[in-house]
Protein backbone atom coordinates (compact mmCIF):
# COMPACT_ATOMS: atom_id res chain seq x y z
CA UNK A 1 0.64 1.37 -26.82
CA UNK A 2 3.82 -0.43 -27.83
CA UNK A 3 3.60 -4.17 -28.46
CA UNK A 4 6.23 -5.63 -26.13
CA UNK A 5 6.02 -9.05 -27.85
CA UNK A 6 6.72 -7.75 -31.37
CA UNK A 7 8.83 -4.64 -31.10
CA UNK A 8 10.59 -3.14 -34.14
CA UNK A 9 14.24 -2.82 -33.15
CA UNK A 10 16.51 0.14 -33.99
CA UNK A 11 18.72 -2.00 -36.16
CA UNK A 12 18.68 -5.62 -37.27
CA UNK A 13 20.00 -8.40 -35.06
CA UNK A 14 23.09 -10.35 -36.17
CA UNK A 15 20.67 -12.93 -37.61
CA UNK A 16 18.98 -10.22 -39.71
CA UNK A 17 15.64 -10.00 -37.89
CA UNK A 18 14.21 -6.56 -37.11
CA UNK A 19 11.66 -7.83 -34.58
CA UNK A 20 12.39 -8.10 -30.90
CA UNK A 21 10.70 -8.70 -27.54
CA UNK A 22 10.94 -6.25 -24.68
CA UNK A 23 11.64 -7.84 -21.29
CA UNK A 24 12.13 -5.99 -18.03
CA UNK A 25 15.31 -7.08 -16.24
CA UNK A 26 16.11 -5.34 -12.92
CA UNK A 27 13.92 -2.38 -13.87
CA UNK A 28 15.57 -1.93 -17.29
CA UNK A 29 13.81 -2.71 -20.57
CA UNK A 30 15.97 -5.10 -22.59
CA UNK A 31 15.37 -6.04 -26.20
CA UNK A 32 15.93 -9.60 -27.45
CA UNK A 33 15.61 -10.84 -31.00
CA UNK A 34 12.41 -12.85 -31.64
CA UNK A 35 14.13 -15.15 -34.14
CA UNK A 36 17.23 -16.18 -32.21
CA UNK A 37 16.57 -14.86 -28.63
CA UNK A 38 19.89 -12.98 -28.68
CA UNK A 39 20.17 -9.95 -26.40
CA UNK A 40 20.36 -6.87 -28.62
CA UNK A 41 20.33 -3.79 -26.36
CA UNK A 42 18.88 -1.99 -23.35
CA UNK A 43 16.16 0.39 -24.47
CA UNK A 44 15.35 3.65 -22.70
CA UNK A 45 11.82 3.93 -21.36
CA UNK A 46 11.07 6.67 -23.88
CA UNK A 47 11.64 4.11 -26.64
CA UNK A 48 9.57 1.35 -25.03
CA UNK A 49 6.65 3.53 -23.97
CA UNK A 50 7.04 3.17 -20.21
CA UNK A 51 6.92 6.22 -17.98
CA UNK A 52 10.33 7.57 -17.07
CA UNK A 53 11.35 7.20 -13.45
CA UNK A 54 11.84 10.28 -11.34
CA UNK A 55 11.53 11.10 -7.67
CA UNK A 56 8.07 12.51 -8.28
CA UNK A 57 6.61 9.51 -10.09
CA UNK A 58 5.97 7.53 -6.92
CA UNK A 59 4.93 10.16 -4.40
CA UNK A 60 4.00 13.81 -4.73
CA UNK A 61 3.32 14.80 -1.11
CA UNK A 62 6.12 17.35 -0.56
CA UNK A 63 5.07 20.92 -1.34
CA UNK A 64 7.65 23.51 -2.52
CA UNK A 65 7.46 25.55 0.72
CA UNK A 66 8.16 22.44 2.82
CA UNK A 67 10.95 21.40 0.44
CA UNK A 68 12.63 24.80 0.89
CA UNK A 69 12.35 24.58 4.67
CA UNK A 70 13.94 21.10 4.73
CA UNK A 71 16.84 22.10 2.48
CA UNK A 72 17.50 25.25 4.54
CA UNK A 73 17.27 23.31 7.83
CA UNK A 74 19.81 20.79 6.50
CA UNK A 75 22.31 23.50 5.61
CA UNK A 76 21.89 23.29 1.81
CA UNK A 77 23.84 20.06 1.64
CA UNK A 78 23.17 16.35 1.18
CA UNK A 79 22.82 14.71 4.56
CA UNK A 80 24.28 11.43 3.25
CA UNK A 81 27.38 12.36 1.30
CA UNK A 82 27.66 15.98 2.59
CA UNK A 83 27.92 17.36 -0.97
CA UNK A 84 26.99 21.03 -1.20
CA UNK A 85 27.67 21.50 -4.91
CA UNK A 86 24.80 19.44 -6.36
CA UNK A 87 21.08 20.08 -6.84
CA UNK A 88 19.17 18.81 -3.82
CA UNK A 89 16.07 16.68 -3.48
CA UNK A 90 14.05 16.01 -0.36
CA UNK A 91 14.10 12.32 0.56
CA UNK A 92 12.56 10.24 3.30
CA UNK A 93 14.30 8.61 6.28
CA UNK A 94 11.54 5.99 6.41
CA UNK A 95 10.81 5.47 2.71
CA UNK A 96 7.34 5.96 1.26
CA UNK A 97 6.99 2.22 0.55
CA UNK A 98 8.18 1.22 4.04
CA UNK A 99 5.96 3.86 5.62
CA UNK A 100 2.84 2.65 3.83
CA UNK A 101 3.76 -0.97 4.66
CA UNK A 102 3.98 0.04 8.34
CA UNK A 103 0.58 1.71 8.19
CA UNK A 104 1.77 5.33 8.23
CA UNK A 105 -0.37 8.05 6.66
CA UNK A 106 0.77 10.51 3.98
CA UNK A 107 1.01 13.20 6.68
CA UNK A 108 3.26 11.00 8.83
CA UNK A 109 5.46 9.98 5.90
CA UNK A 110 5.85 13.61 4.79
CA UNK A 111 6.36 15.04 8.27
CA UNK A 112 9.44 17.26 8.58
CA UNK A 113 10.99 14.77 11.00
CA UNK A 114 10.97 12.10 8.27
CA UNK A 115 12.35 14.36 5.52
CA UNK A 116 15.97 15.00 4.69
CA UNK A 117 17.94 16.93 2.06
CA UNK A 118 19.72 14.58 -0.35
CA UNK A 119 21.52 15.00 -3.63
CA UNK A 120 19.93 13.26 -6.60
CA UNK A 121 22.47 10.44 -6.57
CA UNK A 122 21.88 9.58 -2.91
CA UNK A 123 18.10 9.97 -3.09
CA UNK A 124 17.62 7.87 -6.22
CA UNK A 125 20.25 5.40 -5.01
CA UNK A 126 18.26 4.86 -1.83
CA UNK A 127 15.18 4.03 -3.91
CA UNK A 128 12.34 2.45 -1.94
CA UNK A 129 14.55 1.35 0.93
CA UNK A 130 14.44 3.03 4.34
CA UNK A 131 17.56 4.93 5.29
CA UNK A 132 20.19 2.80 7.05
CA UNK A 133 19.94 3.20 10.83
CA UNK A 134 23.50 4.55 11.15
CA UNK A 135 22.70 7.41 8.73
CA UNK A 136 19.40 8.13 10.48
CA UNK A 137 21.16 8.42 13.87
CA UNK A 138 23.73 10.87 12.47
CA UNK A 139 20.90 12.98 11.02
CA UNK A 140 18.90 12.89 14.25
CA UNK A 141 21.93 14.03 16.26
CA UNK A 142 22.44 16.92 13.84
CA UNK A 143 18.77 17.89 14.18
CA UNK A 144 18.98 17.89 17.98
CA UNK A 145 21.97 20.19 17.76
CA UNK A 146 20.17 22.41 15.23
CA UNK A 147 17.11 22.69 17.50
CA UNK A 148 19.25 23.57 20.51
CA UNK A 149 20.89 26.38 18.51
CA UNK A 150 17.44 27.63 17.44
CA UNK A 151 16.20 27.67 21.03
CA UNK A 152 19.26 29.67 22.21
CA UNK A 153 18.82 32.37 19.58
């Protein structure tokens, strides 16, 4: 375990000290000199010993088969920015955090109706927030249209 109160910095501070303190600021680990309290640099989580963030670190309820179905249903494109040239993730309309706060179960949170294809930028940018209502309405309209086409064929 890394000592966050006495962390050996990559290079000495302007004052010459090699010891720093790690402080989390807006989710980022920052390093400040112990001697003079000067900000030195932002440290990656791999350097500070914290687990790296990814879309699977918080919630692992989406199985590969379901993921494939969602991406195919959504036309192999991000439902937010409409990009079709980026790797896709499967995100939540009602976020995992908001779903749990509202008393939803894992099954309800990971139901196909709550899942949407998103590029990495849109999915990670959304973070723990629920999808904005305007975006959700656009997606729901597209799903209604998709279902009607499925029923006709």
